[in-house]
Amino acid sequence: MTHAALRESICRFGESMFSRGLTMGSSGNISVKLDDGGWLVTPTNASLGHLNPETLSLLDAKGNHISGDAPTKEVPLHTAMYESVERCSAIVHLHSCHSVAVSMLPETNPENAIPPLTAYYVMRVGKTALVPYHIPGDPKVGDAIRGLAGKYTSVLLANHGPVVAGKSLEAAVYATEELEETAKLHLMTRGLNPRALSAEQIAELERF
């Protein structure tokens, strides 16, 4: 896909997620890795619902700002995900309501933050880790993500929001949406002893 097409895709997916209430105001950010190792990322203080393809931030392989508006302050967490997750080509970070709510519950399991309630959660997301709270933009959040050693493509930042990596922008967006819907289901059925997928059912799905 050309740079121009990638820029258009970032804006299109950003507007779609914003219009459906998955993130609000100027929260959330998206990045896509380029063939030369650099990446495109949404600018700081930019609304995902009103992105301009021409002003997206372009960074080189070392994370240096090359052109476009100033990049999001969350560059450290994107950098950490790209360094940690194999075959990662895109990252979505939102402040989606239900995912944030799950990140705040005292009983949330840091190694498996959301139970395997649906087949598509298992296939598109797998497992989600929970990392401790850090102030937005703090480089230490990158260290926390690196500490997961690439075992997760989906991470909840406590009291902040999800960070999801994918082999493509489309895959990252779809996984983020699946994560949010499963977080919603988890909250809706909390305390009702819902029937999660069994280990055998999960193993069967992981073969797809």
Foldseek 3Di string as FASTA:
>chain_A
DDLLVVLVVQLVLLLVCAVVPQADQQFKKKKFADPQQKIWIAAARHRSNDDDSVQTWTAHNVRHTDGHHHHHLQVLQVNLLVVQAPLFGMKIWHQGPLLQVLLADPPQDQFARFFQADLVLCQLFNGEGEFEADDRSDNVVSVRSVVVRNPGQWYAYHNGTIMGTDNGRVSRSVNRVVVSVRSVVCVVCVPVPDDHDDPVRSVVSVVD
